[in-house]
Amino acid sequence: MRVSEIRGMSTGEIRSKLDEAYESLYKMRFQAAIGQLEDMNRVGFVRHDIARMKTVLRERELAARAQGGAQ
């Protein structure tokens, strides 16, 4: 998922996708532990997507705080 795609989403959509990504990561880790996961690279991709989503959420939080503090 690209950052531009994430920035185009609402905060609620990002949080929903973030929950889905955490669930997916949990399942992949479980599959890796029992030897069923074929593509270990997917774990890294999901982790990077989670980091991107959390970064955009944090940017929005800081922007909202800056606007609130300036008034």
PDB file of N, CA and C in Angstrom:
ATOM      1  N   MET A   1       0.842  -1.168   0.000  1.00  0.00           N
ATOM      2  CA  MET A   1       0.000   0.000   0.000  1.00  0.00           C
ATOM      3  C   MET A   1       0.896   1.242   0.000  1.00  0.00           C
ATOM      4  N   ARG A   2       0.569   2.170  -0.854  1.00  0.00           N
ATOM      5  CA  ARG A   2       1.372   3.384  -0.963  1.00  0.00           C
ATOM      6  C   ARG A   2       0.912   4.430   0.041  1.00  0.00           C
ATOM      7  N   VAL A   3       1.819   5.314   0.407  1.00  0.00           N
ATOM      8  CA  VAL A   3       1.500   6.368   1.357  1.00  0.00           C
ATOM      9  C   VAL A   3       0.427   7.284   0.783  1.00  0.00           C
ATOM     10  N   SER A   4       0.476   7.545  -0.514  1.00  0.00           N
ATOM     11  CA  SER A   4      -0.530   8.413  -1.128  1.00  0.00           C
ATOM     12  C   SER A   4      -1.927   7.795  -1.005  1.00  0.00           C
ATOM     13  N   GLU A   5      -2.015   6.477  -1.097  1.00  0.00           N
ATOM     14  CA  GLU A   5      -3.296   5.795  -0.922  1.00  0.00           C
ATOM     15  C   GLU A   5      -3.785   5.948   0.519  1.00  0.00           C
ATOM     16  N   ILE A   6      -2.867   5.821   1.456  1.00  0.00           N
ATOM     17  CA  ILE A   6      -3.219   5.924   2.871  1.00  0.00           C
ATOM     18  C   ILE A   6      -3.671   7.346   3.193  1.00  0.00           C
ATOM     19  N   ARG A   7      -2.964   8.337   2.657  1.00  0.00           N
ATOM     20  CA  ARG A   7      -3.339   9.732   2.926  1.00  0.00           C
ATOM     21  C   ARG A   7      -4.699  10.074   2.335  1.00  0.00           C
ATOM     22  N   GLY A   8      -5.126   9.356   1.306  1.00  0.00           N
ATOM     23  CA  GLY A   8      -6.427   9.582   0.698  1.00  0.00           C
ATOM     24  C   GLY A   8      -7.584   9.006   1.497  1.00  0.00           C
ATOM     25  N   MET A   9      -7.285   8.197   2.496  1.00  0.00           N
ATOM     26  CA  MET A   9      -8.324   7.565   3.322  1.00  0.00           C
ATOM     27  C   MET A   9      -8.680   8.460   4.498  1.00  0.00           C
ATOM     28  N   SER A  10      -9.860   8.225   5.036  1.00  0.00           N
ATOM     29  CA  SER A  10     -10.244   8.917   6.267  1.00  0.00           C
ATOM     30  C   SER A  10      -9.542   8.237   7.441  1.00  0.00           C
ATOM     31  N   THR A  11      -9.547   8.905   8.572  1.00  0.00           N
ATOM     32  CA  THR A  11      -8.895   8.360   9.763  1.00  0.00           C
ATOM     33  C   THR A  11      -9.541   7.045  10.186  1.00  0.00           C
ATOM     34  N   GLY A  12     -10.862   6.969  10.094  1.00  0.00           N
ATOM     35  CA  GLY A  12     -11.566   5.738  10.451  1.00  0.00           C
ATOM     36  C   GLY A  12     -11.193   4.580   9.539  1.00  0.00           C
ATOM     37  N   GLU A  13     -11.053   4.873   8.246  1.00  0.00           N
ATOM     38  CA  GLU A  13     -10.659   3.827   7.298  1.00  0.00           C
ATOM     39  C   GLU A  13      -9.249   3.333   7.596  1.00  0.00           C
ATOM     40  N   ILE A  14      -8.367   4.245   7.930  1.00  0.00           N
ATOM     41  CA  ILE A  14      -6.986   3.859   8.243  1.00  0.00           C
ATOM     42  C   ILE A  14      -6.968   2.970   9.478  1.00  0.00           C
ATOM     43  N   ARG A  15      -7.721   3.350  10.487  1.00  0.00           N
ATOM     44  CA  ARG A  15      -7.761   2.536  11.714  1.00  0.00           C
ATOM     45  C   ARG A  15      -8.316   1.140  11.423  1.00  0.00           C
ATOM     46  N   SER A  16      -9.309   1.061  10.550  1.00  0.00           N
ATOM     47  CA  SER A  16      -9.880  -0.231  10.178  1.00  0.00           C
ATOM     48  C   SER A  16      -8.850  -1.085   9.447  1.00  0.00           C
ATOM     49  N   LYS A  17      -8.151  -0.470   8.489  1.00  0.00           N
ATOM     50  CA  LYS A  17      -7.109  -1.189   7.750  1.00  0.00           C
ATOM     51  C   LYS A  17      -5.972  -1.599   8.673  1.00  0.00           C
ATOM     52  N   LEU A  18      -5.683  -0.762   9.659  1.00  0.00           N
ATOM     53  CA  LEU A  18      -4.624  -1.072  10.611  1.00  0.00           C
ATOM     54  C   LEU A  18      -4.991  -2.297  11.434  1.00  0.00           C
ATOM     55  N   ASP A  19      -6.240  -2.365  11.878  1.00  0.00           N
ATOM     56  CA  ASP A  19      -6.709  -3.539  12.613  1.00  0.00           C
ATOM     57  C   ASP A  19      -6.604  -4.796  11.754  1.00  0.00           C
ATOM     58  N   GLU A  20      -6.990  -4.689  10.487  1.00  0.00           N
ATOM     59  CA  GLU A  20      -6.903  -5.828   9.576  1.00  0.00           C
ATOM     60  C   GLU A  20      -5.451  -6.256   9.380  1.00  0.00           C
ATOM     61  N   ALA A  21      -4.558  -5.285   9.277  1.00  0.00           N
ATOM     62  CA  ALA A  21      -3.144  -5.599   9.074  1.00  0.00           C
ATOM     63  C   ALA A  21      -2.559  -6.303  10.301  1.00  0.00           C
ATOM     64  N   TYR A  22      -2.928  -5.847  11.494  1.00  0.00           N
ATOM     65  CA  TYR A  22      -2.449  -6.515  12.711  1.00  0.00           C
ATOM     66  C   TYR A  22      -2.966  -7.954  12.780  1.00  0.00           C
ATOM     67  N   GLU A  23      -4.221  -8.143  12.405  1.00  0.00           N
ATOM     68  CA  GLU A  23      -4.786  -9.500  12.408  1.00  0.00           C
ATOM     69  C   GLU A  23      -4.070 -10.383  11.389  1.00  0.00           C
ATOM     70  N   SER A  24      -3.813  -9.829  10.210  1.00  0.00           N
ATOM     71  CA  SER A  24      -3.107 -10.566   9.168  1.00  0.00           C
ATOM     72  C   SER A  24      -1.694 -10.931   9.626  1.00  0.00           C
ATOM     73  N   LEU A  25      -1.012  -9.987  10.276  1.00  0.00           N
ATOM     74  CA  LEU A  25       0.339 -10.239  10.774  1.00  0.00           C
ATOM     75  C   LEU A  25       0.332 -11.348  11.819  1.00  0.00           C
ATOM     76  N   TYR A  26      -0.659 -11.322  12.705  1.00  0.00           N
ATOM     77  CA  TYR A  26      -0.785 -12.361  13.723  1.00  0.00           C
ATOM     78  C   TYR A  26      -0.938 -13.738  13.074  1.00  0.00           C
ATOM     79  N   LYS A  27      -1.811 -13.821  12.070  1.00  0.00           N
ATOM     80  CA  LYS A  27      -2.040 -15.099  11.390  1.00  0.00           C
ATOM     81  C   LYS A  27      -0.787 -15.580  10.667  1.00  0.00           C
ATOM     82  N   MET A  28      -0.075 -14.644  10.030  1.00  0.00           N
ATOM     83  CA  MET A  28       1.145 -15.025   9.316  1.00  0.00           C
ATOM     84  C   MET A  28       2.219 -15.511  10.277  1.00  0.00           C
ATOM     85  N   ARG A  29       2.338 -14.866  11.431  1.00  0.00           N
ATOM     86  CA  ARG A  29       3.325 -15.317  12.411  1.00  0.00           C
ATOM     87  C   ARG A  29       2.996 -16.716  12.907  1.00  0.00           C
ATOM     88  N   PHE A  30       1.727 -16.971  13.111  1.00  0.00           N
ATOM     89  CA  PHE A  30       1.303 -18.302  13.539  1.00  0.00           C
ATOM     90  C   PHE A  30       1.621 -19.332  12.452  1.00  0.00           C
ATOM     91  N   GLN A  31       1.300 -18.995  11.202  1.00  0.00           N
ATOM     92  CA  GLN A  31       1.589 -19.911  10.093  1.00  0.00           C
ATOM     93  C   GLN A  31       3.091 -20.153   9.963  1.00  0.00           C
ATOM     94  N   ALA A  32       3.893 -19.116  10.174  1.00  0.00           N
ATOM     95  CA  ALA A  32       5.346 -19.270  10.094  1.00  0.00           C
ATOM     96  C   ALA A  32       5.850 -20.196  11.187  1.00  0.00           C
ATOM     97  N   ALA A  33       5.260 -20.090  12.363  1.00  0.00           N
ATOM     98  CA  ALA A  33       5.702 -20.911  13.495  1.00  0.00           C
ATOM     99  C   ALA A  33       5.428 -22.385  13.263  1.00  0.00           C
ATOM    100  N   ILE A  34       4.327 -22.695  12.573  1.00  0.00           N
ATOM    101  CA  ILE A  34       4.007 -24.103  12.341  1.00  0.00           C
ATOM    102  C   ILE A  34       4.458 -24.573  10.966  1.00  0.00           C
ATOM    103  N   GLY A  35       5.154 -23.692  10.225  1.00  0.00           N
ATOM    104  CA  GLY A  35       5.752 -24.087   8.959  1.00  0.00           C
ATOM    105  C   GLY A  35       4.825 -24.063   7.763  1.00  0.00           C
ATOM    106  N   GLN A  36       3.711 -23.367   7.845  1.00  0.00           N
ATOM    107  CA  GLN A  36       2.775 -23.327   6.723  1.00  0.00           C
ATOM    108  C   GLN A  36       2.927 -22.086   5.848  1.00  0.00           C
ATOM    109  N   LEU A  37       3.646 -21.089   6.305  1.00  0.00           N
ATOM    110  CA  LEU A  37       3.791 -19.852   5.542  1.00  0.00           C
ATOM    111  C   LEU A  37       4.832 -20.053   4.458  1.00  0.00           C
ATOM    112  N   GLU A  38       4.431 -19.842   3.209  1.00  0.00           N
ATOM    113  CA  GLU A  38       5.340 -20.070   2.090  1.00  0.00           C
ATOM    114  C   GLU A  38       6.162 -18.830   1.753  1.00  0.00           C
ATOM    115  N   ASP A  39       5.577 -17.648   1.868  1.00  0.00           N
ATOM    116  CA  ASP A  39       6.262 -16.421   1.495  1.00  0.00           C
ATOM    117  C   ASP A  39       6.536 -15.574   2.731  1.00  0.00           C
ATOM    118  N   MET A  40       7.728 -15.696   3.258  1.00  0.00           N
ATOM    119  CA  MET A  40       8.090 -14.953   4.465  1.00  0.00           C
ATOM    120  C   MET A  40       8.204 -13.455   4.202  1.00  0.00           C
ATOM    121  N   ASN A  41       8.375 -13.055   2.951  1.00  0.00           N
ATOM    122  CA  ASN A  41       8.482 -11.640   2.617  1.00  0.00           C
ATOM    123  C   ASN A  41       7.193 -10.880   2.930  1.00  0.00           C
ATOM    124  N   ARG A  42       6.065 -11.568   2.901  1.00  0.00           N
ATOM    125  CA  ARG A  42       4.783 -10.917   3.177  1.00  0.00           C
ATOM    126  C   ARG A  42       4.747 -10.336   4.584  1.00  0.00           C
ATOM    127  N   VAL A  43       5.427 -10.982   5.522  1.00  0.00           N
ATOM    128  CA  VAL A  43       5.472 -10.484   6.902  1.00  0.00           C
ATOM    129  C   VAL A  43       6.096  -9.087   6.911  1.00  0.00           C
ATOM    130  N   GLY A  44       7.179  -8.916   6.216  1.00  0.00           N
ATOM    131  CA  GLY A  44       7.847  -7.616   6.142  1.00  0.00           C
ATOM    132  C   GLY A  44       6.990  -6.567   5.467  1.00  0.00           C
ATOM    133  N   PHE A  45       6.299  -6.967   4.399  1.00  0.00           N
ATOM    134  CA  PHE A  45       5.424  -6.027   3.693  1.00  0.00           C
ATOM    135  C   PHE A  45       4.304  -5.540   4.604  1.00  0.00           C
ATOM    136  N   VAL A  46       3.720  -6.442   5.360  1.00  0.00           N
ATOM    137  CA  VAL A  46       2.627  -6.071   6.260  1.00  0.00           C
ATOM    138  C   VAL A  46       3.154  -5.166   7.374  1.00  0.00           C
ATOM    139  N   ARG A  47       4.329  -5.472   7.886  1.00  0.00           N
ATOM    140  CA  ARG A  47       4.914  -4.629   8.929  1.00  0.00           C
ATOM    141  C   ARG A  47       5.179  -3.218   8.414  1.00  0.00           C
ATOM    142  N   HIS A  48       5.646  -3.105   7.188  1.00  0.00           N
ATOM    143  CA  HIS A  48       5.896  -1.791   6.599  1.00  0.00           C
ATOM    144  C   HIS A  48       4.588  -1.031   6.382  1.00  0.00           C
ATOM    145  N   ASP A  49       3.546  -1.750   5.957  1.00  0.00           N
ATOM    146  CA  ASP A  49       2.239  -1.113   5.789  1.00  0.00           C
ATOM    147  C   ASP A  49       1.715  -0.584   7.125  1.00  0.00           C
ATOM    148  N   ILE A  50       1.900  -1.375   8.181  1.00  0.00           N
ATOM    149  CA  ILE A  50       1.478  -0.944   9.515  1.00  0.00           C
ATOM    150  C   ILE A  50       2.229   0.324   9.909  1.00  0.00           C
ATOM    151  N   ALA A  51       3.512   0.352   9.666  1.00  0.00           N
ATOM    152  CA  ALA A  51       4.318   1.527  10.011  1.00  0.00           C
ATOM    153  C   ALA A  51       3.855   2.745   9.226  1.00  0.00           C
ATOM    154  N   ARG A  52       3.549   2.572   7.952  1.00  0.00           N
ATOM    155  CA  ARG A  52       3.077   3.689   7.135  1.00  0.00           C
ATOM    156  C   ARG A  52       1.761   4.237   7.670  1.00  0.00           C
ATOM    157  N   MET A  53       0.839   3.334   8.002  1.00  0.00           N
ATOM    158  CA  MET A  53      -0.465   3.771   8.506  1.00  0.00           C
ATOM    159  C   MET A  53      -0.322   4.501   9.838  1.00  0.00           C
ATOM    160  N   LYS A  54       0.530   3.972  10.721  1.00  0.00           N
ATOM    161  CA  LYS A  54       0.722   4.609  12.017  1.00  0.00           C
ATOM    162  C   LYS A  54       1.381   5.982  11.856  1.00  0.00           C
ATOM    163  N   THR A  55       2.261   6.121  10.878  1.00  0.00           N
ATOM    164  CA  THR A  55       2.919   7.393  10.618  1.00  0.00           C
ATOM    165  C   THR A  55       1.916   8.444  10.166  1.00  0.00           C
ATOM    166  N   VAL A  56       1.033   8.063   9.241  1.00  0.00           N
ATOM    167  CA  VAL A  56       0.025   9.005   8.750  1.00  0.00           C
ATOM    168  C   VAL A  56      -0.927   9.397   9.880  1.00  0.00           C
ATOM    169  N   LEU A  57      -1.321   8.436  10.704  1.00  0.00           N
ATOM    170  CA  LEU A  57      -2.191   8.764  11.840  1.00  0.00           C
ATOM    171  C   LEU A  57      -1.497   9.734  12.794  1.00  0.00           C
ATOM    172  N   ARG A  58      -0.231   9.524  13.042  1.00  0.00           N
ATOM    173  CA  ARG A  58       0.519  10.409  13.939  1.00  0.00           C
ATOM    174  C   ARG A  58       0.659  11.805  13.334  1.00  0.00           C
ATOM    175  N   GLU A  59       0.898  11.882  12.028  1.00  0.00           N
ATOM    176  CA  GLU A  59       0.978  13.186  11.365  1.00  0.00           C
ATOM    177  C   GLU A  59      -0.332  13.949  11.536  1.00  0.00           C
ATOM    178  N   ARG A  60      -1.443  13.246  11.368  1.00  0.00           N
ATOM    179  CA  ARG A  60      -2.748  13.892  11.508  1.00  0.00           C
ATOM    180  C   ARG A  60      -2.985  14.341  12.948  1.00  0.00           C
ATOM    181  N   GLU A  61      -2.548  13.528  13.892  1.00  0.00           N
ATOM    182  CA  GLU A  61      -2.704  13.875  15.301  1.00  0.00           C
ATOM    183  C   GLU A  61      -1.916  15.138  15.628  1.00  0.00           C
ATOM    184  N   LEU A  62      -0.679  15.206  15.146  1.00  0.00           N
ATOM    185  CA  LEU A  62       0.157  16.373  15.412  1.00  0.00           C
ATOM    186  C   LEU A  62      -0.383  17.619  14.714  1.00  0.00           C
ATOM    187  N   ALA A  63      -0.917  17.454  13.508  1.00  0.00           N
ATOM    188  CA  ALA A  63      -1.484  18.585  12.784  1.00  0.00           C
ATOM    189  C   ALA A  63      -2.713  19.120  13.516  1.00  0.00           C
ATOM    190  N   ALA A  64      -3.533  18.235  14.026  1.00  0.00           N
ATOM    191  CA  ALA A  64      -4.727  18.645  14.761  1.00  0.00           C
ATOM    192  C   ALA A  64      -4.327  19.353  16.052  1.00  0.00           C
ATOM    193  N   ARG A  65      -3.318  18.850  16.699  1.00  0.00           N
ATOM    194  CA  ARG A  65      -2.840  19.465  17.947  1.00  0.00           C
ATOM    195  C   ARG A  65      -2.250  20.853  17.684  1.00  0.00           C
ATOM    196  N   ALA A  66      -1.533  20.991  16.561  1.00  0.00           N
ATOM    197  CA  ALA A  66      -0.942  22.281  16.211  1.00  0.00           C
ATOM    198  C   ALA A  66      -2.026  23.309  15.900  1.00  0.00           C
ATOM    199  N   GLN A  67      -3.069  22.895  15.229  1.00  0.00           N
ATOM    200  CA  GLN A  67      -4.165  23.798  14.918  1.00  0.00           C
ATOM    201  C   GLN A  67      -4.905  24.199  16.187  1.00  0.00           C
ATOM    202  N   GLY A  68      -5.114  23.267  17.067  1.00  0.00           N
ATOM    203  CA  GLY A  68      -5.811  23.559  18.313  1.00  0.00           C
ATOM    204  C   GLY A  68      -5.018  24.462  19.236  1.00  0.00           C
ATOM    205  N   GLY A  69      -3.711  24.300  19.236  1.00  0.00           N
ATOM    206  CA  GLY A  69      -2.856  25.104  20.105  1.00  0.00           C
ATOM    207  C   GLY A  69      -2.628  26.502  19.573  1.00  0.00           C
ATOM    208  N   ALA A  70      -2.770  26.712  18.273  1.00  0.00           N
ATOM    209  CA  ALA A  70      -2.512  28.008  17.670  1.00  0.00           C
ATOM    210  C   ALA A  70      -3.667  28.977  17.899  1.00  0.00           C
ATOM    211  N   GLN A  71      -4.819  28.486  18.247  1.00  0.00           N
ATOM    212  CA  GLN A  71      -5.972  29.377  18.396  1.00  0.00           C
ATOM    213  C   GLN A  71      -6.114  29.949  19.750  1.00  0.00           C
TER     214      GLN A  71
END
